[in-house]
Amino acid sequence: MTTESNTHTIDATGKRLGKVATEAATVLMGKNDPSYARHIKSDVIVTITNVSKLDIPDKKQGEIYQSYSGYPGGRKAETLSHLATRLGYKEVVKRTIGGMLPTNKHKKRLLNQLIISE
């Protein structure tokens, strides 16, 4: 079964982080398409523009993003504001969308179809 490649653009100006991330994750998985099947990767390219103009309230600036290396004492945690200053809002949005995608072999492939511009 072949699917045609198309693009979906999201403008993040003045929107909340979660709203933009859920819309992007839904389109990346192909759930908005009538021919949706879980085992078939959709060929949709999602572009998100104006990420630096997201509406992130002060309460959410302290939200913790963490990673674990697998070794004892290998847990690294940092806040959203620290991650945004270190790597930019592009990485914040990418990690948020990645957390909303299912953890299977399509996750990396779907994240490669995501284009984020600040």
PDB file of N, CA and C in Angstrom:
ATOM      1  N   MET A   1       0.848  -1.177   0.000  1.00  0.00           N
ATOM      2  CA  MET A   1       0.000   0.000   0.000  1.00  0.00           C
ATOM      3  C   MET A   1       0.888   1.233   0.000  1.00  0.00           C
ATOM      4  N   THR A   2       0.650   2.122  -0.924  1.00  0.00           N
ATOM      5  CA  THR A   2       1.448   3.337  -0.992  1.00  0.00           C
ATOM      6  C   THR A   2       0.584   4.517  -0.575  1.00  0.00           C
ATOM      7  N   THR A   3       1.217   5.437   0.121  1.00  0.00           N
ATOM      8  CA  THR A   3       0.521   6.649   0.517  1.00  0.00           C
ATOM      9  C   THR A   3       1.253   7.832  -0.080  1.00  0.00           C
ATOM     10  N   GLU A   4       0.514   8.866  -0.406  1.00  0.00           N
ATOM     11  CA  GLU A   4       1.118  10.029  -1.037  1.00  0.00           C
ATOM     12  C   GLU A   4       1.675  10.968   0.035  1.00  0.00           C
ATOM     13  N   SER A   5       2.774  11.604  -0.298  1.00  0.00           N
ATOM     14  CA  SER A   5       3.430  12.508   0.644  1.00  0.00           C
ATOM     15  C   SER A   5       2.787  13.889   0.562  1.00  0.00           C
ATOM     16  N   ASN A   6       2.427  14.435   1.714  1.00  0.00           N
ATOM     17  CA  ASN A   6       1.885  15.776   1.755  1.00  0.00           C
ATOM     18  C   ASN A   6       2.422  16.487   2.989  1.00  0.00           C
ATOM     19  N   THR A   7       2.231  17.795   3.029  1.00  0.00           N
ATOM     20  CA  THR A   7       2.771  18.581   4.132  1.00  0.00           C
ATOM     21  C   THR A   7       1.638  19.203   4.934  1.00  0.00           C
ATOM     22  N   HIS A   8       1.916  19.411   6.208  1.00  0.00           N
ATOM     23  CA  HIS A   8       0.974  20.040   7.118  1.00  0.00           C
ATOM     24  C   HIS A   8       1.752  21.109   7.886  1.00  0.00           C
ATOM     25  N   THR A   9       1.288  22.352   7.846  1.00  0.00           N
ATOM     26  CA  THR A   9       1.988  23.457   8.493  1.00  0.00           C
ATOM     27  C   THR A   9       1.209  23.934   9.704  1.00  0.00           C
ATOM     28  N   ILE A  10       1.938  24.146  10.808  1.00  0.00           N
ATOM     29  CA  ILE A  10       1.336  24.645  12.045  1.00  0.00           C
ATOM     30  C   ILE A  10       2.058  25.924  12.428  1.00  0.00           C
ATOM     31  N   ASP A  11       1.298  26.998  12.635  1.00  0.00           N
ATOM     32  CA  ASP A  11       1.876  28.251  13.103  1.00  0.00           C
ATOM     33  C   ASP A  11       1.702  28.308  14.614  1.00  0.00           C
ATOM     34  N   ALA A  12       2.809  28.391  15.352  1.00  0.00           N
ATOM     35  CA  ALA A  12       2.768  28.306  16.810  1.00  0.00           C
ATOM     36  C   ALA A  12       2.664  29.658  17.492  1.00  0.00           C
ATOM     37  N   THR A  13       2.448  30.726  16.764  1.00  0.00           N
ATOM     38  CA  THR A  13       2.399  32.054  17.364  1.00  0.00           C
ATOM     39  C   THR A  13       1.213  32.167  18.309  1.00  0.00           C
ATOM     40  N   GLY A  14       1.493  32.425  19.592  1.00  0.00           N
ATOM     41  CA  GLY A  14       0.448  32.637  20.584  1.00  0.00           C
ATOM     42  C   GLY A  14      -0.281  31.389  21.042  1.00  0.00           C
ATOM     43  N   LYS A  15       0.136  30.205  20.604  1.00  0.00           N
ATOM     44  CA  LYS A  15      -0.530  28.968  21.010  1.00  0.00           C
ATOM     45  C   LYS A  15       0.217  28.338  22.173  1.00  0.00           C
ATOM     46  N   ARG A  16      -0.467  27.471  22.900  1.00  0.00           N
ATOM     47  CA  ARG A  16       0.152  26.748  24.004  1.00  0.00           C
ATOM     48  C   ARG A  16       0.980  25.591  23.469  1.00  0.00           C
ATOM     49  N   LEU A  17       1.990  25.214  24.238  1.00  0.00           N
ATOM     50  CA  LEU A  17       2.917  24.154  23.829  1.00  0.00           C
ATOM     51  C   LEU A  17       2.195  22.825  23.632  1.00  0.00           C
ATOM     52  N   GLY A  18       1.310  22.473  24.545  1.00  0.00           N
ATOM     53  CA  GLY A  18       0.610  21.195  24.466  1.00  0.00           C
ATOM     54  C   GLY A  18      -0.333  21.101  23.291  1.00  0.00           C
ATOM     55  N   LYS A  19      -0.992  22.203  22.964  1.00  0.00           N
ATOM     56  CA  LYS A  19      -1.920  22.206  21.826  1.00  0.00           C
ATOM     57  C   LYS A  19      -1.181  21.987  20.506  1.00  0.00           C
ATOM     58  N   VAL A  20      -0.036  22.662  20.362  1.00  0.00           N
ATOM     59  CA  VAL A  20       0.765  22.506  19.149  1.00  0.00           C
ATOM     60  C   VAL A  20       1.315  21.086  19.069  1.00  0.00           C
ATOM     61  N   ALA A  21       1.784  20.556  20.201  1.00  0.00           N
ATOM     62  CA  ALA A  21       2.384  19.224  20.215  1.00  0.00           C
ATOM     63  C   ALA A  21       1.357  18.133  19.921  1.00  0.00           C
ATOM     64  N   THR A  22       0.157  18.242  20.482  1.00  0.00           N
ATOM     65  CA  THR A  22      -0.847  17.203  20.216  1.00  0.00           C
ATOM     66  C   THR A  22      -1.319  17.236  18.766  1.00  0.00           C
ATOM     67  N   GLU A  23      -1.443  18.424  18.204  1.00  0.00           N
ATOM     68  CA  GLU A  23      -1.844  18.511  16.796  1.00  0.00           C
ATOM     69  C   GLU A  23      -0.766  17.897  15.898  1.00  0.00           C
ATOM     70  N   ALA A  24       0.502  18.206  16.187  1.00  0.00           N
ATOM     71  CA  ALA A  24       1.597  17.666  15.377  1.00  0.00           C
ATOM     72  C   ALA A  24       1.699  16.150  15.533  1.00  0.00           C
ATOM     73  N   ALA A  25       1.562  15.638  16.759  1.00  0.00           N
ATOM     74  CA  ALA A  25       1.657  14.197  16.985  1.00  0.00           C
ATOM     75  C   ALA A  25       0.515  13.454  16.295  1.00  0.00           C
ATOM     76  N   THR A  26      -0.672  14.014  16.328  1.00  0.00           N
ATOM     77  CA  THR A  26      -1.826  13.382  15.683  1.00  0.00           C
ATOM     78  C   THR A  26      -1.637  13.303  14.176  1.00  0.00           C
ATOM     79  N   VAL A  27      -1.145  14.393  13.587  1.00  0.00           N
ATOM     80  CA  VAL A  27      -0.938  14.403  12.139  1.00  0.00           C
ATOM     81  C   VAL A  27       0.225  13.487  11.751  1.00  0.00           C
ATOM     82  N   LEU A  28       1.301  13.465  12.556  1.00  0.00           N
ATOM     83  CA  LEU A  28       2.437  12.597  12.254  1.00  0.00           C
ATOM     84  C   LEU A  28       2.050  11.123  12.268  1.00  0.00           C
ATOM     85  N   MET A  29       1.225  10.734  13.238  1.00  0.00           N
ATOM     86  CA  MET A  29       0.793   9.336  13.303  1.00  0.00           C
ATOM     87  C   MET A  29      -0.200   9.003  12.200  1.00  0.00           C
ATOM     88  N   GLY A  30      -0.842  10.014  11.622  1.00  0.00           N
ATOM     89  CA  GLY A  30      -1.798   9.789  10.545  1.00  0.00           C
ATOM     90  C   GLY A  30      -3.210   9.571  11.031  1.00  0.00           C
ATOM     91  N   LYS A  31      -3.487   9.941  12.275  1.00  0.00           N
ATOM     92  CA  LYS A  31      -4.812   9.693  12.839  1.00  0.00           C
ATOM     93  C   LYS A  31      -5.884  10.607  12.255  1.00  0.00           C
ATOM     94  N   ASN A  32      -5.493  11.664  11.563  1.00  0.00           N
ATOM     95  CA  ASN A  32      -6.486  12.535  10.940  1.00  0.00           C
ATOM     96  C   ASN A  32      -6.848  12.058   9.535  1.00  0.00           C
ATOM     97  N   ASP A  33      -6.206  11.003   9.073  1.00  0.00           N
ATOM     98  CA  ASP A  33      -6.441  10.461   7.746  1.00  0.00           C
ATOM     99  C   ASP A  33      -7.474   9.338   7.829  1.00  0.00           C
ATOM    100  N   PRO A  34      -8.431   9.291   6.912  1.00  0.00           N
ATOM    101  CA  PRO A  34      -9.433   8.224   6.975  1.00  0.00           C
ATOM    102  C   PRO A  34      -8.854   6.823   6.754  1.00  0.00           C
ATOM    103  N   SER A  35      -7.719   6.724   6.083  1.00  0.00           N
ATOM    104  CA  SER A  35      -7.118   5.413   5.847  1.00  0.00           C
ATOM    105  C   SER A  35      -6.052   5.099   6.897  1.00  0.00           C
ATOM    106  N   TYR A  36      -6.283   5.489   8.141  1.00  0.00           N
ATOM    107  CA  TYR A  36      -5.323   5.288   9.231  1.00  0.00           C
ATOM    108  C   TYR A  36      -5.213   3.816   9.594  1.00  0.00           C
ATOM    109  N   ALA A  37      -3.974   3.359   9.713  1.00  0.00           N
ATOM    110  CA  ALA A  37      -3.683   2.025  10.225  1.00  0.00           C
ATOM    111  C   ALA A  37      -2.452   2.149  11.107  1.00  0.00           C
ATOM    112  N   ARG A  38      -2.485   1.509  12.275  1.00  0.00           N
ATOM    113  CA  ARG A  38      -1.401   1.674  13.247  1.00  0.00           C
ATOM    114  C   ARG A  38      -0.067   1.177  12.734  1.00  0.00           C
ATOM    115  N   HIS A  39      -0.074   0.125  11.927  1.00  0.00           N
ATOM    116  CA  HIS A  39       1.173  -0.489  11.490  1.00  0.00           C
ATOM    117  C   HIS A  39       1.763   0.164  10.250  1.00  0.00           C
ATOM    118  N   ILE A  40       1.070   1.132   9.651  1.00  0.00           N
ATOM    119  CA  ILE A  40       1.567   1.805   8.452  1.00  0.00           C
ATOM    120  C   ILE A  40       1.974   3.229   8.815  1.00  0.00           C
ATOM    121  N   LYS A  41       3.210   3.563   8.483  1.00  0.00           N
ATOM    122  CA  LYS A  41       3.736   4.896   8.767  1.00  0.00           C
ATOM    123  C   LYS A  41       3.185   5.870   7.733  1.00  0.00           C
ATOM    124  N   SER A  42       2.651   6.985   8.197  1.00  0.00           N
ATOM    125  CA  SER A  42       2.106   7.971   7.276  1.00  0.00           C
ATOM    126  C   SER A  42       3.242   8.791   6.669  1.00  0.00           C
ATOM    127  N   ASP A  43       3.051   9.252   5.450  1.00  0.00           N
ATOM    128  CA  ASP A  43       4.059  10.042   4.751  1.00  0.00           C
ATOM    129  C   ASP A  43       3.719  11.522   4.796  1.00  0.00           C
ATOM    130  N   VAL A  44       3.457  12.028   5.979  1.00  0.00           N
ATOM    131  CA  VAL A  44       3.122  13.430   6.160  1.00  0.00           C
ATOM    132  C   VAL A  44       4.331  14.145   6.737  1.00  0.00           C
ATOM    133  N   ILE A  45       4.672  15.278   6.152  1.00  0.00           N
ATOM    134  CA  ILE A  45       5.750  16.107   6.679  1.00  0.00           C
ATOM    135  C   ILE A  45       5.109  17.272   7.409  1.00  0.00           C
ATOM    136  N   VAL A  46       5.391  17.380   8.701  1.00  0.00           N
ATOM    137  CA  VAL A  46       4.808  18.434   9.535  1.00  0.00           C
ATOM    138  C   VAL A  46       5.863  19.516   9.757  1.00  0.00           C
ATOM    139  N   THR A  47       5.518  20.752   9.414  1.00  0.00           N
ATOM    140  CA  THR A  47       6.408  21.878   9.671  1.00  0.00           C
ATOM    141  C   THR A  47       5.746  22.785  10.705  1.00  0.00           C
ATOM    142  N   ILE A  48       6.503  23.149  11.714  1.00  0.00           N
ATOM    143  CA  ILE A  48       6.024  24.041  12.763  1.00  0.00           C
ATOM    144  C   ILE A  48       6.860  25.311  12.693  1.00  0.00           C
ATOM    145  N   THR A  49       6.197  26.449  12.572  1.00  0.00           N
ATOM    146  CA  THR A  49       6.897  27.720  12.448  1.00  0.00           C
ATOM    147  C   THR A  49       6.645  28.582  13.679  1.00  0.00           C
ATOM    148  N   ASN A  50       7.519  29.552  13.892  1.00  0.00           N
ATOM    149  CA  ASN A  50       7.430  30.531  14.989  1.00  0.00           C
ATOM    150  C   ASN A  50       7.372  29.864  16.357  1.00  0.00           C
ATOM    151  N   VAL A  51       8.255  28.916  16.605  1.00  0.00           N
ATOM    152  CA  VAL A  51       8.263  28.184  17.867  1.00  0.00           C
ATOM    153  C   VAL A  51       8.679  29.084  19.022  1.00  0.00           C
ATOM    154  N   SER A  52       9.525  30.062  18.763  1.00  0.00           N
ATOM    155  CA  SER A  52       9.980  30.949  19.838  1.00  0.00           C
ATOM    156  C   SER A  52       8.872  31.884  20.323  1.00  0.00           C
ATOM    157  N   LYS A  53       7.753  31.959  19.604  1.00  0.00           N
ATOM    158  CA  LYS A  53       6.636  32.813  20.002  1.00  0.00           C
ATOM    159  C   LYS A  53       5.509  32.032  20.679  1.00  0.00           C
ATOM    160  N   LEU A  54       5.832  30.831  21.180  1.00  0.00           N
ATOM    161  CA  LEU A  54       4.845  30.025  21.902  1.00  0.00           C
ATOM    162  C   LEU A  54       4.405  30.729  23.183  1.00  0.00           C
ATOM    163  N   ASP A  55       3.176  30.476  23.592  1.00  0.00           N
ATOM    164  CA  ASP A  55       2.664  31.017  24.843  1.00  0.00           C
ATOM    165  C   ASP A  55       2.889  29.971  25.940  1.00  0.00           C
ATOM    166  N   ILE A  56       3.962  30.163  26.713  1.00  0.00           N
ATOM    167  CA  ILE A  56       4.287  29.247  27.798  1.00  0.00           C
ATOM    168  C   ILE A  56       4.170  30.016  29.103  1.00  0.00           C
ATOM    169  N   PRO A  57       3.199  29.684  29.964  1.00  0.00           N
ATOM    170  CA  PRO A  57       3.030  30.424  31.223  1.00  0.00           C
ATOM    171  C   PRO A  57       4.182  30.181  32.193  1.00  0.00           C
ATOM    172  N   ASP A  58       4.305  31.034  33.190  1.00  0.00           N
ATOM    173  CA  ASP A  58       5.403  30.938  34.156  1.00  0.00           C
ATOM    174  C   ASP A  58       5.352  29.636  34.947  1.00  0.00           C
ATOM    175  N   LYS A  59       4.151  29.122  35.183  1.00  0.00           N
ATOM    176  CA  LYS A  59       4.012  27.875  35.937  1.00  0.00           C
ATOM    177  C   LYS A  59       4.655  26.708  35.184  1.00  0.00           C
ATOM    178  N   LYS A  60       4.563  26.715  33.862  1.00  0.00           N
ATOM    179  CA  LYS A  60       5.111  25.624  33.054  1.00  0.00           C
ATOM    180  C   LYS A  60       6.606  25.781  32.797  1.00  0.00           C
ATOM    181  N   GLN A  61       7.184  26.948  33.082  1.00  0.00           N
ATOM    182  CA  GLN A  61       8.616  27.144  32.869  1.00  0.00           C
ATOM    183  C   GLN A  61       9.451  26.225  33.761  1.00  0.00           C
ATOM    184  N   GLY A  62       8.882  25.793  34.887  1.00  0.00           N
ATOM    185  CA  GLY A  62       9.599  24.910  35.797  1.00  0.00           C
ATOM    186  C   GLY A  62       9.376  23.434  35.545  1.00  0.00           C
ATOM    187  N   GLU A  63       8.673  23.081  34.456  1.00  0.00           N
ATOM    188  CA  GLU A  63       8.415  21.677  34.147  1.00  0.00           C
ATOM    189  C   GLU A  63       9.731  20.960  33.859  1.00  0.00           C
ATOM    190  N   ILE A  64       9.846  19.723  34.329  1.00  0.00           N
ATOM    191  CA  ILE A  64      11.118  19.006  34.288  1.00  0.00           C
ATOM    192  C   ILE A  64      11.170  18.060  33.090  1.00  0.00           C
ATOM    193  N   TYR A  65      12.251  18.177  32.321  1.00  0.00           N
ATOM    194  CA  TYR A  65      12.566  17.249  31.243  1.00  0.00           C
ATOM    195  C   TYR A  65      13.746  16.420  31.731  1.00  0.00           C
ATOM    196  N   GLN A  66      13.620  15.094  31.661  1.00  0.00           N
ATOM    197  CA  GLN A  66      14.667  14.253  32.212  1.00  0.00           C
ATOM    198  C   GLN A  66      15.073  13.168  31.222  1.00  0.00           C
ATOM    199  N   SER A  67      16.303  12.714  31.390  1.00  0.00           N
ATOM    200  CA  SER A  67      16.821  11.618  30.588  1.00  0.00           C
ATOM    201  C   SER A  67      17.598  10.687  31.508  1.00  0.00           C
ATOM    202  N   TYR A  68      17.707   9.449  31.104  1.00  0.00           N
ATOM    203  CA  TYR A  68      18.383   8.454  31.922  1.00  0.00           C
ATOM    204  C   TYR A  68      19.359   7.679  31.052  1.00  0.00           C
ATOM    205  N   SER A  69      20.617   7.612  31.485  1.00  0.00           N
ATOM    206  CA  SER A  69      21.656   6.970  30.688  1.00  0.00           C
ATOM    207  C   SER A  69      21.646   5.452  30.820  1.00  0.00           C
ATOM    208  N   GLY A  70      21.041   4.917  31.862  1.00  0.00           N
ATOM    209  CA  GLY A  70      21.035   3.482  32.081  1.00  0.00           C
ATOM    210  C   GLY A  70      21.992   3.059  33.171  1.00  0.00           C
ATOM    211  N   TYR A  71      22.863   3.950  33.584  1.00  0.00           N
ATOM    212  CA  TYR A  71      23.816   3.664  34.643  1.00  0.00           C
ATOM    213  C   TYR A  71      23.292   4.168  35.982  1.00  0.00           C
ATOM    214  N   PRO A  72      23.762   3.601  37.087  1.00  0.00           N
ATOM    215  CA  PRO A  72      23.359   4.110  38.399  1.00  0.00           C
ATOM    216  C   PRO A  72      23.781   5.572  38.562  1.00  0.00           C
ATOM    217  N   GLY A  73      22.860   6.404  38.962  1.00  0.00           N
ATOM    218  CA  GLY A  73      23.137   7.830  39.103  1.00  0.00           C
ATOM    219  C   GLY A  73      23.151   8.558  37.775  1.00  0.00           C
ATOM    220  N   GLY A  74      22.609   7.948  36.724  1.00  0.00           N
ATOM    221  CA  GLY A  74      22.659   8.536  35.386  1.00  0.00           C
ATOM    222  C   GLY A  74      21.439   9.335  35.005  1.00  0.00           C
ATOM    223  N   ARG A  75      20.623   9.722  35.966  1.00  0.00           N
ATOM    224  CA  ARG A  75      19.425  10.515  35.682  1.00  0.00           C
ATOM    225  C   ARG A  75      19.801  11.978  35.610  1.00  0.00           C
ATOM    226  N   LYS A  76      19.458  12.609  34.500  1.00  0.00           N
ATOM    227  CA  LYS A  76      19.718  14.027  34.325  1.00  0.00           C
ATOM    228  C   LYS A  76      18.389  14.730  34.161  1.00  0.00           C
ATOM    229  N   ALA A  77      18.162  15.761  34.953  1.00  0.00           N
ATOM    230  CA  ALA A  77      16.902  16.493  34.897  1.00  0.00           C
ATOM    231  C   ALA A  77      17.198  17.981  34.761  1.00  0.00           C
ATOM    232  N   GLU A  78      16.394  18.654  33.948  1.00  0.00           N
ATOM    233  CA  GLU A  78      16.502  20.102  33.813  1.00  0.00           C
ATOM    234  C   GLU A  78      15.123  20.673  33.538  1.00  0.00           C
ATOM    235  N   THR A  79      14.950  21.947  33.849  1.00  0.00           N
ATOM    236  CA  THR A  79      13.651  22.585  33.675  1.00  0.00           C
ATOM    237  C   THR A  79      13.470  23.005  32.224  1.00  0.00           C
ATOM    238  N   LEU A  80      12.236  23.332  31.887  1.00  0.00           N
ATOM    239  CA  LEU A  80      11.904  23.761  30.534  1.00  0.00           C
ATOM    240  C   LEU A  80      12.643  25.046  30.186  1.00  0.00           C
ATOM    241  N   SER A  81      12.703  25.988  31.123  1.00  0.00           N
ATOM    242  CA  SER A  81      13.369  27.258  30.828  1.00  0.00           C
ATOM    243  C   SER A  81      14.874  27.062  30.617  1.00  0.00           C
ATOM    244  N   HIS A  82      15.490  26.164  31.395  1.00  0.00           N
ATOM    245  CA  HIS A  82      16.920  25.902  31.226  1.00  0.00           C
ATOM    246  C   HIS A  82      17.196  25.211  29.898  1.00  0.00           C
ATOM    247  N   LEU A  83      16.348  24.260  29.522  1.00  0.00           N
ATOM    248  CA  LEU A  83      16.504  23.563  28.251  1.00  0.00           C
ATOM    249  C   LEU A  83      16.314  24.524  27.083  1.00  0.00           C
ATOM    250  N   ALA A  84      15.371  25.462  27.226  1.00  0.00           N
ATOM    251  CA  ALA A  84      15.116  26.421  26.157  1.00  0.00           C
ATOM    252  C   ALA A  84      16.295  27.382  25.976  1.00  0.00           C
ATOM    253  N   THR A  85      16.933  27.782  27.072  1.00  0.00           N
ATOM    254  CA  THR A  85      18.092  28.663  26.928  1.00  0.00           C
ATOM    255  C   THR A  85      19.305  27.900  26.421  1.00  0.00           C
ATOM    256  N   ARG A  86      19.413  26.618  26.772  1.00  0.00           N
ATOM    257  CA  ARG A  86      20.581  25.831  26.371  1.00  0.00           C
ATOM    258  C   ARG A  86      20.502  25.382  24.917  1.00  0.00           C
ATOM    259  N   LEU A  87      19.355  24.840  24.496  1.00  0.00           N
ATOM    260  CA  LEU A  87      19.220  24.284  23.153  1.00  0.00           C
ATOM    261  C   LEU A  87      18.162  24.962  22.293  1.00  0.00           C
ATOM    262  N   GLY A  88      17.371  25.861  22.871  1.00  0.00           N
ATOM    263  CA  GLY A  88      16.337  26.554  22.107  1.00  0.00           C
ATOM    264  C   GLY A  88      14.979  25.884  22.239  1.00  0.00           C
ATOM    265  N   TYR A  89      13.940  26.619  21.879  1.00  0.00           N
ATOM    266  CA  TYR A  89      12.579  26.098  21.959  1.00  0.00           C
ATOM    267  C   TYR A  89      12.330  24.987  20.946  1.00  0.00           C
ATOM    268  N   LYS A  90      13.168  24.909  19.939  1.00  0.00           N
ATOM    269  CA  LYS A  90      13.041  23.832  18.958  1.00  0.00           C
ATOM    270  C   LYS A  90      13.182  22.469  19.633  1.00  0.00           C
ATOM    271  N   GLU A  91      14.155  22.330  20.529  1.00  0.00           N
ATOM    272  CA  GLU A  91      14.373  21.066  21.234  1.00  0.00           C
ATOM    273  C   GLU A  91      13.253  20.779  22.225  1.00  0.00           C
ATOM    274  N   VAL A  92      12.704  21.822  22.853  1.00  0.00           N
ATOM    275  CA  VAL A  92      11.595  21.646  23.789  1.00  0.00           C
ATOM    276  C   VAL A  92      10.390  21.062  23.067  1.00  0.00           C
ATOM    277  N   VAL A  93      10.062  21.614  21.905  1.00  0.00           N
ATOM    278  CA  VAL A  93       8.913  21.137  21.136  1.00  0.00           C
ATOM    279  C   VAL A  93       9.165  19.722  20.622  1.00  0.00           C
ATOM    280  N   LYS A  94      10.387  19.451  20.199  1.00  0.00           N
ATOM    281  CA  LYS A  94      10.711  18.114  19.684  1.00  0.00           C
ATOM    282  C   LYS A  94      10.575  17.060  20.769  1.00  0.00           C
ATOM    283  N   ARG A  95      11.059  17.354  21.970  1.00  0.00           N
ATOM    284  CA  ARG A  95      10.948  16.391  23.067  1.00  0.00           C
ATOM    285  C   ARG A  95       9.503  16.223  23.519  1.00  0.00           C
ATOM    286  N   THR A  96       8.722  17.291  23.471  1.00  0.00           N
ATOM    287  CA  THR A  96       7.316  17.192  23.859  1.00  0.00           C
ATOM    288  C   THR A  96       6.542  16.328  22.876  1.00  0.00           C
ATOM    289  N   ILE A  97       6.768  16.534  21.594  1.00  0.00           N
ATOM    290  CA  ILE A  97       6.093  15.732  20.574  1.00  0.00           C
ATOM    291  C   ILE A  97       6.560  14.280  20.648  1.00  0.00           C
ATOM    292  N   GLY A  98       7.854  14.072  20.890  1.00  0.00           N
ATOM    293  CA  GLY A  98       8.387  12.713  21.007  1.00  0.00           C
ATOM    294  C   GLY A  98       7.773  11.948  22.155  1.00  0.00           C
ATOM    295  N   GLY A  99       7.430  12.645  23.228  1.00  0.00           N
ATOM    296  CA  GLY A  99       6.774  11.996  24.348  1.00  0.00           C
ATOM    297  C   GLY A  99       5.344  11.604  24.066  1.00  0.00           C
ATOM    298  N   MET A 100       4.737  12.235  23.053  1.00  0.00           N
ATOM    299  CA  MET A 100       3.349  11.927  22.699  1.00  0.00           C
ATOM    300  C   MET A 100       3.241  10.846  21.634  1.00  0.00           C
ATOM    301  N   LEU A 101       4.348  10.497  21.001  1.00  0.00           N
ATOM    302  CA  LEU A 101       4.331   9.449  19.985  1.00  0.00           C
ATOM    303  C   LEU A 101       4.486   8.083  20.652  1.00  0.00           C
ATOM    304  N   PRO A 102       3.947   7.025  20.045  1.00  0.00           N
ATOM    305  CA  PRO A 102       4.092   5.698  20.630  1.00  0.00           C
ATOM    306  C   PRO A 102       5.541   5.230  20.568  1.00  0.00           C
ATOM    307  N   THR A 103       5.958   4.483  21.587  1.00  0.00           N
ATOM    308  CA  THR A 103       7.327   4.000  21.652  1.00  0.00           C
ATOM    309  C   THR A 103       7.422   2.683  20.893  1.00  0.00           C
ATOM    310  N   ASN A 104       7.674   2.799  19.591  1.00  0.00           N
ATOM    311  CA  ASN A 104       7.864   1.628  18.742  1.00  0.00           C
ATOM    312  C   ASN A 104       8.879   1.982  17.657  1.00  0.00           C
ATOM    313  N   LYS A 105       9.032   1.136  16.659  1.00  0.00           N
ATOM    314  CA  LYS A 105      10.070   1.358  15.658  1.00  0.00           C
ATOM    315  C   LYS A 105       9.765   2.536  14.736  1.00  0.00           C
ATOM    316  N   HIS A 106       8.550   3.050  14.754  1.00  0.00           N
ATOM    317  CA  HIS A 106       8.207   4.201  13.906  1.00  0.00           C
ATOM    318  C   HIS A 106       8.551   5.535  14.547  1.00  0.00           C
ATOM    319  N   LYS A 107       8.890   5.552  15.826  1.00  0.00           N
ATOM    320  CA  LYS A 107       9.077   6.820  16.536  1.00  0.00           C
ATOM    321  C   LYS A 107      10.189   7.671  15.916  1.00  0.00           C
ATOM    322  N   LYS A 108      11.349   7.091  15.676  1.00  0.00           N
ATOM    323  CA  LYS A 108      12.446   7.849  15.074  1.00  0.00           C
ATOM    324  C   LYS A 108      12.113   8.273  13.659  1.00  0.00           C
ATOM    325  N   ARG A 109      11.444   7.425  12.925  1.00  0.00           N
ATOM    326  CA  ARG A 109      11.069   7.747  11.551  1.00  0.00           C
ATOM    327  C   ARG A 109      10.072   8.894  11.510  1.00  0.00           C
ATOM    328  N   LEU A 110       9.133   8.908  12.458  1.00  0.00           N
ATOM    329  CA  LEU A 110       8.169   9.993  12.513  1.00  0.00           C
ATOM    330  C   LEU A 110       8.817  11.306  12.926  1.00  0.00           C
ATOM    331  N   LEU A 111       9.766  11.249  13.865  1.00  0.00           N
ATOM    332  CA  LEU A 111      10.442  12.475  14.280  1.00  0.00           C
ATOM    333  C   LEU A 111      11.331  13.040  13.171  1.00  0.00           C
ATOM    334  N   ASN A 112      11.772  12.198  12.239  1.00  0.00           N
ATOM    335  CA  ASN A 112      12.524  12.707  11.097  1.00  0.00           C
ATOM    336  C   ASN A 112      11.628  13.448  10.122  1.00  0.00           C
ATOM    337  N   GLN A 113      10.319  13.223  10.181  1.00  0.00           N
ATOM    338  CA  GLN A 113       9.382  13.923   9.318  1.00  0.00           C
ATOM    339  C   GLN A 113       8.896  15.233   9.925  1.00  0.00           C
ATOM    340  N   LEU A 114       9.489  15.619  11.050  1.00  0.00           N
ATOM    341  CA  LEU A 114       9.101  16.827  11.755  1.00  0.00           C
ATOM    342  C   LEU A 114      10.133  17.923  11.483  1.00  0.00           C
ATOM    343  N   ILE A 115       9.677  19.071  10.977  1.00  0.00           N
ATOM    344  CA  ILE A 115      10.555  20.202  10.694  1.00  0.00           C
ATOM    345  C   ILE A 115      10.105  21.359  11.572  1.00  0.00           C
ATOM    346  N   ILE A 116      11.018  21.831  12.419  1.00  0.00           N
ATOM    347  CA  ILE A 116      10.693  22.895  13.369  1.00  0.00           C
ATOM    348  C   ILE A 116      11.589  24.089  13.077  1.00  0.00           C
ATOM    349  N   SER A 117      10.985  25.264  12.974  1.00  0.00           N
ATOM    350  CA  SER A 117      11.766  26.486  12.747  1.00  0.00           C
ATOM    351  C   SER A 117      11.378  27.529  13.787  1.00  0.00           C
ATOM    352  N   GLU A 118      12.383  28.210  14.306  1.00  0.00           N
ATOM    353  CA  GLU A 118      12.145  29.230  15.327  1.00  0.00           C
ATOM    354  C   GLU A 118      11.919  30.520  14.621  1.00  0.00           C
TER     355      GLU A 118
END
